[in-house]
C-alpha atoms as a PDB file:
ATOM      1  CA  UNK A   1      16.662  16.084 -50.583  1.00  0.00           C
ATOM      2  CA  UNK A   2      16.208  18.702 -48.261  1.00  0.00           C
ATOM      3  CA  UNK A   3      17.081  17.650 -44.491  1.00  0.00           C
ATOM      4  CA  UNK A   4      15.629  19.205 -41.613  1.00  0.00           C
ATOM      5  CA  UNK A   5      17.775  21.014 -39.179  1.00  0.00           C
ATOM      6  CA  UNK A   6      17.522  20.064 -35.610  1.00  0.00           C
ATOM      7  CA  UNK A   7      16.026  23.175 -33.276  1.00  0.00           C
ATOM      8  CA  UNK A   8      18.448  24.806 -30.849  1.00  0.00           C
ATOM      9  CA  UNK A   9      16.914  23.162 -27.672  1.00  0.00           C
ATOM     10  CA  UNK A  10      17.043  19.744 -29.522  1.00  0.00           C
ATOM     11  CA  UNK A  11      20.709  20.290 -30.003  1.00  0.00           C
ATOM     12  CA  UNK A  12      21.234  20.857 -26.232  1.00  0.00           C
ATOM     13  CA  UNK A  13      18.888  18.214 -25.516  1.00  0.00           C
ATOM     14  CA  UNK A  14      21.232  16.051 -27.207  1.00  0.00           C
ATOM     15  CA  UNK A  15      24.183  16.915 -25.862  1.00  0.00           C
ATOM     16  CA  UNK A  16      23.277  16.550 -22.323  1.00  0.00           C
ATOM     17  CA  UNK A  17      21.572  13.443 -22.952  1.00  0.00           C
ATOM     18  CA  UNK A  18      24.897  12.133 -24.531  1.00  0.00           C
ATOM     19  CA  UNK A  19      26.686  13.062 -21.294  1.00  0.00           C
ATOM     20  CA  UNK A  20      24.153  11.562 -19.203  1.00  0.00           C
ATOM     21  CA  UNK A  21      24.219   8.436 -20.977  1.00  0.00           C
ATOM     22  CA  UNK A  22      27.996   8.015 -21.269  1.00  0.00           C
ATOM     23  CA  UNK A  23      28.765   8.773 -17.641  1.00  0.00           C
ATOM     24  CA  UNK A  24      29.986  12.279 -18.099  1.00  0.00           C
ATOM     25  CA  UNK A  25      27.094  13.478 -15.338  1.00  0.00           C
ATOM     26  CA  UNK A  26      26.188  10.509 -13.286  1.00  0.00           C
ATOM     27  CA  UNK A  27      22.664   9.431 -11.595  1.00  0.00           C
ATOM     28  CA  UNK A  28      21.498  12.043  -8.659  1.00  0.00           C
ATOM     29  CA  UNK A  29      24.003  14.549 -10.366  1.00  0.00           C
ATOM     30  CA  UNK A  30      22.646  17.907  -9.884  1.00  0.00           C
ATOM     31  CA  UNK A  31      22.729  19.940 -13.293  1.00  0.00           C
ATOM     32  CA  UNK A  32      24.429  23.572 -13.373  1.00  0.00           C
ATOM     33  CA  UNK A  33      21.796  26.011 -12.835  1.00  0.00           C
ATOM     34  CA  UNK A  34      19.612  26.894 -15.676  1.00  0.00           C
ATOM     35  CA  UNK A  35      21.023  30.516 -16.028  1.00  0.00           C
ATOM     36  CA  UNK A  36      24.666  28.777 -16.022  1.00  0.00           C
ATOM     37  CA  UNK A  37      23.571  26.300 -18.312  1.00  0.00           C
ATOM     38  CA  UNK A  38      22.003  29.126 -20.850  1.00  0.00           C
ATOM     39  CA  UNK A  39      25.315  30.909 -20.716  1.00  0.00           C
ATOM     40  CA  UNK A  40      27.362  27.737 -21.453  1.00  0.00           C
ATOM     41  CA  UNK A  41      25.364  26.681 -24.737  1.00  0.00           C
ATOM     42  CA  UNK A  42      24.452  30.256 -25.616  1.00  0.00           C
ATOM     43  CA  UNK A  43      21.017  30.178 -25.334  1.00  0.00           C
ATOM     44  CA  UNK A  44      18.215  31.744 -23.919  1.00  0.00           C
ATOM     45  CA  UNK A  45      16.565  30.496 -20.717  1.00  0.00           C
ATOM     46  CA  UNK A  46      13.722  29.997 -22.666  1.00  0.00           C
ATOM     47  CA  UNK A  47      15.390  27.500 -25.524  1.00  0.00           C
ATOM     48  CA  UNK A  48      17.038  25.975 -22.030  1.00  0.00           C
ATOM     49  CA  UNK A  49      14.336  25.073 -20.299  1.00  0.00           C
ATOM     50  CA  UNK A  50      12.945  23.615 -23.559  1.00  0.00           C
ATOM     51  CA  UNK A  51      15.803  21.576 -23.737  1.00  0.00           C
ATOM     52  CA  UNK A  52      15.387  20.230 -20.025  1.00  0.00           C
ATOM     53  CA  UNK A  53      11.637  19.833 -20.588  1.00  0.00           C
ATOM     54  CA  UNK A  54      12.762  17.166 -23.543  1.00  0.00           C
ATOM     55  CA  UNK A  55      14.929  15.382 -20.994  1.00  0.00           C
ATOM     56  CA  UNK A  56      12.553  15.413 -18.242  1.00  0.00           C
ATOM     57  CA  UNK A  57       9.985  13.926 -20.382  1.00  0.00           C
ATOM     58  CA  UNK A  58      12.305  11.197 -21.444  1.00  0.00           C
ATOM     59  CA  UNK A  59      12.628  10.398 -17.511  1.00  0.00           C
ATOM     60  CA  UNK A  60      16.744  11.394 -17.792  1.00  0.00           C
ATOM     61  CA  UNK A  61      16.269  14.483 -15.752  1.00  0.00           C
ATOM     62  CA  UNK A  62      13.701  15.535 -13.076  1.00  0.00           C
ATOM     63  CA  UNK A  63      13.406  19.080 -11.420  1.00  0.00           C
ATOM     64  CA  UNK A  64      12.857  19.056  -7.702  1.00  0.00           C
ATOM     65  CA  UNK A  65      11.137  22.217  -6.553  1.00  0.00           C
ATOM     66  CA  UNK A  66      13.666  25.012  -4.719  1.00  0.00           C
ATOM     67  CA  UNK A  67      16.880  22.469  -5.355  1.00  0.00           C
ATOM     68  CA  UNK A  68      17.022  22.424  -9.296  1.00  0.00           C
ATOM     69  CA  UNK A  69      17.446  19.602 -11.728  1.00  0.00           C
ATOM     70  CA  UNK A  70      18.916  16.274 -11.120  1.00  0.00           C
ATOM     71  CA  UNK A  71      20.097  13.333 -13.734  1.00  0.00           C
ATOM     72  CA  UNK A  72      17.294  10.503 -12.594  1.00  0.00           C
ATOM     73  CA  UNK A  73      18.319   7.230 -10.877  1.00  0.00           C
ATOM     74  CA  UNK A  74      17.592   4.010 -13.020  1.00  0.00           C
ATOM     75  CA  UNK A  75      14.210   3.380 -11.036  1.00  0.00           C
ATOM     76  CA  UNK A  76      14.342   0.347  -8.764  1.00  0.00           C
ATOM     77  CA  UNK A  77      11.629  -1.725  -8.361  1.00  0.00           C
ATOM     78  CA  UNK A  78       9.837  -2.640  -4.954  1.00  0.00           C
ATOM     79  CA  UNK A  79       7.342  -5.473  -4.496  1.00  0.00           C
ATOM     80  CA  UNK A  80       3.652  -5.046  -3.234  1.00  0.00           C
ATOM     81  CA  UNK A  81       2.603  -8.279  -1.673  1.00  0.00           C
ATOM     82  CA  UNK A  82      -1.219  -8.421  -2.448  1.00  0.00           C
ATOM     83  CA  UNK A  83      -3.531 -10.160   0.006  1.00  0.00           C
ATOM     84  CA  UNK A  84      -1.890  -8.863   3.367  1.00  0.00           C
ATOM     85  CA  UNK A  85      -0.744  -5.243   2.395  1.00  0.00           C
ATOM     86  CA  UNK A  86       2.887  -5.720   2.669  1.00  0.00           C
ATOM     87  CA  UNK A  87       5.853  -4.432   0.916  1.00  0.00           C
ATOM     88  CA  UNK A  88       8.266  -7.378   0.033  1.00  0.00           C
ATOM     89  CA  UNK A  89      10.654  -7.350   3.172  1.00  0.00           C
ATOM     90  CA  UNK A  90      13.792  -7.642   1.035  1.00  0.00           C
ATOM     91  CA  UNK A  91      12.874  -4.355  -0.488  1.00  0.00           C
ATOM     92  CA  UNK A  92      10.885  -2.653   2.621  1.00  0.00           C
ATOM     93  CA  UNK A  93      13.582  -3.597   5.092  1.00  0.00           C
ATOM     94  CA  UNK A  94      16.570  -2.051   2.821  1.00  0.00           C
ATOM     95  CA  UNK A  95      18.258   1.162   4.664  1.00  0.00           C
ATOM     96  CA  UNK A  96      18.202   2.755   1.546  1.00  0.00           C
ATOM     97  CA  UNK A  97      14.589   2.815   1.521  1.00  0.00           C
ATOM     98  CA  UNK A  98      13.388   5.272   4.327  1.00  0.00           C
ATOM     99  CA  UNK A  99       9.570   5.873   4.993  1.00  0.00           C
ATOM    100  CA  UNK A 100       8.354   8.731   6.950  1.00  0.00           C
ATOM    101  CA  UNK A 101       5.303   8.593   8.911  1.00  0.00           C
ATOM    102  CA  UNK A 102       2.671  11.247   9.834  1.00  0.00           C
ATOM    103  CA  UNK A 103       0.080  10.636  11.933  1.00  0.00           C
ATOM    104  CA  UNK A 104      -3.328  12.438  12.433  1.00  0.00           C
ATOM    105  CA  UNK A 105      -6.578  12.645  14.160  1.00  0.00           C
ATOM    106  CA  UNK A 106      -9.375  13.078  11.378  1.00  0.00           C
ATOM    107  CA  UNK A 107     -12.964  12.467  10.777  1.00  0.00           C
ATOM    108  CA  UNK A 108     -14.970  10.523   8.231  1.00  0.00           C
ATOM    109  CA  UNK A 109     -16.086  12.287   5.228  1.00  0.00           C
ATOM    110  CA  UNK A 110     -17.507  11.299   1.785  1.00  0.00           C
ATOM    111  CA  UNK A 111     -15.486   8.520   0.314  1.00  0.00           C
ATOM    112  CA  UNK A 112     -13.641   7.446   3.729  1.00  0.00           C
ATOM    113  CA  UNK A 113     -16.976   6.687   5.431  1.00  0.00           C
ATOM    114  CA  UNK A 114     -18.112   4.784   2.814  1.00  0.00           C
ATOM    115  CA  UNK A 115     -15.080   2.557   2.670  1.00  0.00           C
ATOM    116  CA  UNK A 116     -15.288   2.052   6.449  1.00  0.00           C
ATOM    117  CA  UNK A 117     -19.075   1.869   6.591  1.00  0.00           C
ATOM    118  CA  UNK A 118     -19.028   4.569   9.531  1.00  0.00           C
ATOM    119  CA  UNK A 119     -21.163   7.564   9.738  1.00  0.00           C
ATOM    120  CA  UNK A 120     -20.324  10.864   8.486  1.00  0.00           C
ATOM    121  CA  UNK A 121     -17.902  12.690  11.091  1.00  0.00           C
ATOM    122  CA  UNK A 122     -17.012   9.688  13.027  1.00  0.00           C
ATOM    123  CA  UNK A 123     -13.465  10.130  14.388  1.00  0.00           C
ATOM    124  CA  UNK A 124     -10.489   7.993  12.838  1.00  0.00           C
ATOM    125  CA  UNK A 125      -6.917   7.573  13.336  1.00  0.00           C
ATOM    126  CA  UNK A 126      -5.013   8.398  10.072  1.00  0.00           C
ATOM    127  CA  UNK A 127      -1.126   7.371   8.776  1.00  0.00           C
ATOM    128  CA  UNK A 128       0.306   8.966   5.943  1.00  0.00           C
ATOM    129  CA  UNK A 129       3.463   7.180   4.904  1.00  0.00           C
ATOM    130  CA  UNK A 130       5.888   8.118   2.032  1.00  0.00           C
ATOM    131  CA  UNK A 131       8.680   5.863   1.490  1.00  0.00           C
ATOM    132  CA  UNK A 132      12.037   7.224  -0.434  1.00  0.00           C
ATOM    133  CA  UNK A 133      15.337   6.112  -1.567  1.00  0.00           C
ATOM    134  CA  UNK A 134      17.384   9.025  -1.660  1.00  0.00           C
ATOM    135  CA  UNK A 135      15.688  12.041  -3.199  1.00  0.00           C
ATOM    136  CA  UNK A 136      13.043   9.364  -5.233  1.00  0.00           C
ATOM    137  CA  UNK A 137       9.673   8.328  -3.520  1.00  0.00           C
ATOM    138  CA  UNK A 138       8.533   5.096  -4.616  1.00  0.00           C
ATOM    139  CA  UNK A 139       5.136   5.028  -2.845  1.00  0.00           C
ATOM    140  CA  UNK A 140       2.587   6.476  -0.575  1.00  0.00           C
ATOM    141  CA  UNK A 141      -0.013   5.283   1.360  1.00  0.00           C
ATOM    142  CA  UNK A 142      -3.046   6.900   3.346  1.00  0.00           C
ATOM    143  CA  UNK A 143      -3.972   4.365   6.254  1.00  0.00           C
ATOM    144  CA  UNK A 144      -7.257   4.776   8.469  1.00  0.00           C
ATOM    145  CA  UNK A 145      -8.690   2.822  11.324  1.00  0.00           C
ATOM    146  CA  UNK A 146     -11.599   3.718  13.516  1.00  0.00           C
ATOM    147  CA  UNK A 147     -10.369   5.361  16.614  1.00  0.00           C
ATOM    148  CA  UNK A 148     -12.101   3.446  18.994  1.00  0.00           C
ATOM    149  CA  UNK A 149      -9.804   0.487  17.553  1.00  0.00           C
ATOM    150  CA  UNK A 150      -6.707   2.286  17.693  1.00  0.00           C
ATOM    151  CA  UNK A 151      -4.525   0.619  20.825  1.00  0.00           C
ATOM    152  CA  UNK A 152      -3.298   3.398  23.307  1.00  0.00           C
ATOM    153  CA  UNK A 153      -0.327   4.746  21.645  1.00  0.00           C
ATOM    154  CA  UNK A 154      -1.045   4.187  18.002  1.00  0.00           C
ATOM    155  CA  UNK A 155      -1.175   7.950  17.495  1.00  0.00           C
ATOM    156  CA  UNK A 156       1.886   8.784  19.167  1.00  0.00           C
ATOM    157  CA  UNK A 157       5.403   8.005  18.332  1.00  0.00           C
ATOM    158  CA  UNK A 158       6.036   4.595  19.524  1.00  0.00           C
ATOM    159  CA  UNK A 159       8.602   2.524  17.360  1.00  0.00           C
ATOM    160  CA  UNK A 160       6.271  -0.541  17.055  1.00  0.00           C
ATOM    161  CA  UNK A 161       3.612   1.062  15.349  1.00  0.00           C
ATOM    162  CA  UNK A 162       5.942   3.369  13.413  1.00  0.00           C
ATOM    163  CA  UNK A 163       7.522   0.738  12.247  1.00  0.00           C
ATOM    164  CA  UNK A 164       4.405  -1.270  11.217  1.00  0.00           C
ATOM    165  CA  UNK A 165       3.228   1.327   9.214  1.00  0.00           C
ATOM    166  CA  UNK A 166       6.875   1.773   7.441  1.00  0.00           C
ATOM    167  CA  UNK A 167       5.698  -1.647   5.683  1.00  0.00           C
ATOM    168  CA  UNK A 168       2.485  -0.215   4.410  1.00  0.00           C
ATOM    169  CA  UNK A 169       0.724  -3.131   6.374  1.00  0.00           C
ATOM    170  CA  UNK A 170      -2.401  -3.750   8.179  1.00  0.00           C
ATOM    171  CA  UNK A 171      -2.174  -2.255  11.214  1.00  0.00           C
ATOM    172  CA  UNK A 172      -5.075  -4.386  13.240  1.00  0.00           C
ATOM    173  CA  UNK A 173      -5.024  -7.793  14.121  1.00  0.00           C
ATOM    174  CA  UNK A 174      -4.936 -10.042  11.410  1.00  0.00           C
ATOM    175  CA  UNK A 175      -8.323  -9.572   9.839  1.00  0.00           C
ATOM    176  CA  UNK A 176      -9.948 -12.462   8.194  1.00  0.00           C
ATOM    177  CA  UNK A 177     -10.747 -10.812   5.190  1.00  0.00           C
ATOM    178  CA  UNK A 178      -8.696  -8.518   2.863  1.00  0.00           C
ATOM    179  CA  UNK A 179     -10.198  -7.289   0.077  1.00  0.00           C
ATOM    180  CA  UNK A 180      -7.981  -5.351  -2.608  1.00  0.00           C
ATOM    181  CA  UNK A 181      -9.406  -3.410  -5.406  1.00  0.00           C
ATOM    182  CA  UNK A 182      -6.204  -2.585  -7.986  1.00  0.00           C
ATOM    183  CA  UNK A 183      -5.985  -0.050 -11.079  1.00  0.00           C
ATOM    184  CA  UNK A 184      -3.838   1.890 -13.323  1.00  0.00           C
ATOM    185  CA  UNK A 185      -4.816   5.536 -13.289  1.00  0.00           C
ATOM    186  CA  UNK A 186      -3.720   8.923 -13.808  1.00  0.00           C
ATOM    187  CA  UNK A 187      -1.999  10.565 -10.285  1.00  0.00           C
ATOM    188  CA  UNK A 188      -4.160  12.979  -8.316  1.00  0.00           C
ATOM    189  CA  UNK A 189      -2.109  16.337  -8.466  1.00  0.00           C
ATOM    190  CA  UNK A 190      -1.147  15.651  -4.848  1.00  0.00           C
ATOM    191  CA  UNK A 191       0.245  11.850  -6.012  1.00  0.00           C
ATOM    192  CA  UNK A 192       2.352  13.349  -8.597  1.00  0.00           C
ATOM    193  CA  UNK A 193       3.574  16.421  -6.275  1.00  0.00           C
ATOM    194  CA  UNK A 194       4.466  14.013  -3.543  1.00  0.00           C
ATOM    195  CA  UNK A 195       5.872  11.180  -6.001  1.00  0.00           C
ATOM    196  CA  UNK A 196       7.526  13.674  -8.273  1.00  0.00           C
ATOM    197  CA  UNK A 197       5.998  11.861 -11.261  1.00  0.00           C
ATOM    198  CA  UNK A 198       6.083  12.447 -14.619  1.00  0.00           C
ATOM    199  CA  UNK A 199       2.858  13.491 -16.776  1.00  0.00           C
ATOM    200  CA  UNK A 200       3.353  10.726 -18.596  1.00  0.00           C
ATOM    201  CA  UNK A 201       3.790   8.194 -15.676  1.00  0.00           C
ATOM    202  CA  UNK A 202       0.479   6.534 -14.374  1.00  0.00           C
ATOM    203  CA  UNK A 203       0.050   4.916 -10.613  1.00  0.00           C
ATOM    204  CA  UNK A 204      -0.846   1.580  -9.702  1.00  0.00           C
ATOM    205  CA  UNK A 205      -3.600   2.431  -7.167  1.00  0.00           C
ATOM    206  CA  UNK A 206      -4.577  -0.011  -4.399  1.00  0.00           C
ATOM    207  CA  UNK A 207      -7.717   0.517  -2.109  1.00  0.00           C
ATOM    208  CA  UNK A 208      -7.398  -2.363   0.665  1.00  0.00           C
ATOM    209  CA  UNK A 209     -10.179  -3.297   3.232  1.00  0.00           C
ATOM    210  CA  UNK A 210      -9.949  -5.289   6.124  1.00  0.00           C
ATOM    211  CA  UNK A 211     -12.800  -6.514   7.689  1.00  0.00           C
ATOM    212  CA  UNK A 212     -13.140  -8.591  11.060  1.00  0.00           C
ATOM    213  CA  UNK A 213     -15.103 -11.722  11.792  1.00  0.00           C
ATOM    214  CA  UNK A 214     -18.233  -9.670  12.594  1.00  0.00           C
ATOM    215  CA  UNK A 215     -18.005  -7.917   9.196  1.00  0.00           C
ATOM    216  CA  UNK A 216     -16.851  -4.803  10.548  1.00  0.00           C
ATOM    217  CA  UNK A 217     -14.224  -2.759   8.648  1.00  0.00           C
ATOM    218  CA  UNK A 218     -11.335  -2.384  10.925  1.00  0.00           C
ATOM    219  CA  UNK A 219      -8.996  -0.435   8.486  1.00  0.00           C
ATOM    220  CA  UNK A 220      -8.806   1.265   4.972  1.00  0.00           C
ATOM    221  CA  UNK A 221      -5.917   2.057   3.228  1.00  0.00           C
ATOM    222  CA  UNK A 222      -5.400   4.276  -0.002  1.00  0.00           C
ATOM    223  CA  UNK A 223      -2.214   3.402  -1.715  1.00  0.00           C
ATOM    224  CA  UNK A 224      -0.414   4.603  -4.739  1.00  0.00           C
ATOM    225  CA  UNK A 225       2.832   3.541  -6.306  1.00  0.00           C
ATOM    226  CA  UNK A 226       4.347   4.822  -9.635  1.00  0.00           C
ATOM    227  CA  UNK A 227       3.852   2.257 -12.276  1.00  0.00           C
ATOM    228  CA  UNK A 228       7.194   2.194 -13.522  1.00  0.00           C
ATOM    229  CA  UNK A 229       8.788   1.491  -9.904  1.00  0.00           C
ATOM    230  CA  UNK A 230       6.334  -1.427  -8.467  1.00  0.00           C
ATOM    231  CA  UNK A 231       5.201  -4.971  -9.190  1.00  0.00           C
ATOM    232  CA  UNK A 232       2.085  -6.408  -7.362  1.00  0.00           C
ATOM    233  CA  UNK A 233       2.390  -9.968  -6.500  1.00  0.00           C
ATOM    234  CA  UNK A 234      -1.144 -11.699  -5.565  1.00  0.00           C
ATOM    235  CA  UNK A 235      -0.847 -15.286  -4.529  1.00  0.00           C
ATOM    236  CA  UNK A 236      -4.332 -17.582  -4.373  1.00  0.00           C
ATOM    237  CA  UNK A 237      -4.639 -20.259  -1.788  1.00  0.00           C
ATOM    238  CA  UNK A 238      -6.958 -23.067  -2.853  1.00  0.00           C
ATOM    239  CA  UNK A 239      -9.062 -24.155  -0.127  1.00  0.00           C
ATOM    240  CA  UNK A 240      -9.897 -27.751   0.668  1.00  0.00           C
ATOM    241  CA  UNK A 241     -13.313 -29.095   1.558  1.00  0.00           C
ATOM    242  CA  UNK A 242     -12.776 -30.465   4.984  1.00  0.00           C
ATOM    243  CA  UNK A 243     -15.870 -32.780   4.134  1.00  0.00           C
ATOM    244  CA  UNK A 244     -13.896 -34.611   1.670  1.00  0.00           C
ATOM    245  CA  UNK A 245     -10.664 -35.209   3.626  1.00  0.00           C
ATOM    246  CA  UNK A 246     -12.544 -36.369   6.799  1.00  0.00           C
ATOM    247  CA  UNK A 247     -13.628 -39.254   4.549  1.00  0.00           C
END
């Protein structure tokens, strides 16, 4: 019987995997440079990169542009609470989970104009939010509201609005209707880059539209979470017919 001989890059991957799984190299640790690893294993950089690609595909190692290869931390799940648009406070409020927020003034074009039911070119306030735990991104949100509905200071660095945005929450007053469309799909190139996703990982995409009592759309949000790092929870409230209870 002829036994297949493991290729050199698989041998290197096996050795690095053993060091990672036995704690010799810990989560968050930076691996030696590719040139240093190639020298250690007496292999070409092409072979070494093939070995790292195996571990990256398994989710054990991630390459951060400009910084090097790191052992991935086990993904910690967060909870997205549907129907209101907040991250679960037990996870969102943890100091380990930080959120960066960038505000901007944009114009409604294409899909955004359709979501917000406004004419093309209408002025909007944009909030771009990314949540991180250490070096690992957990989710991103693009939140848009008509600029005439944006309270004074919403596009500034006022802490109250920054705090609200960090929860990925509805930014306007409590609306009577929040409609969410949820799907699992491959990430866009921008999402894959911002969330540092492996090609095999899908995103949980949430499109949230909030409408006031007059039917006007007061906010639209496009959220994306790595599929292996989030749970979405939706609660249904059954309405009681008042005519039956007033008897």
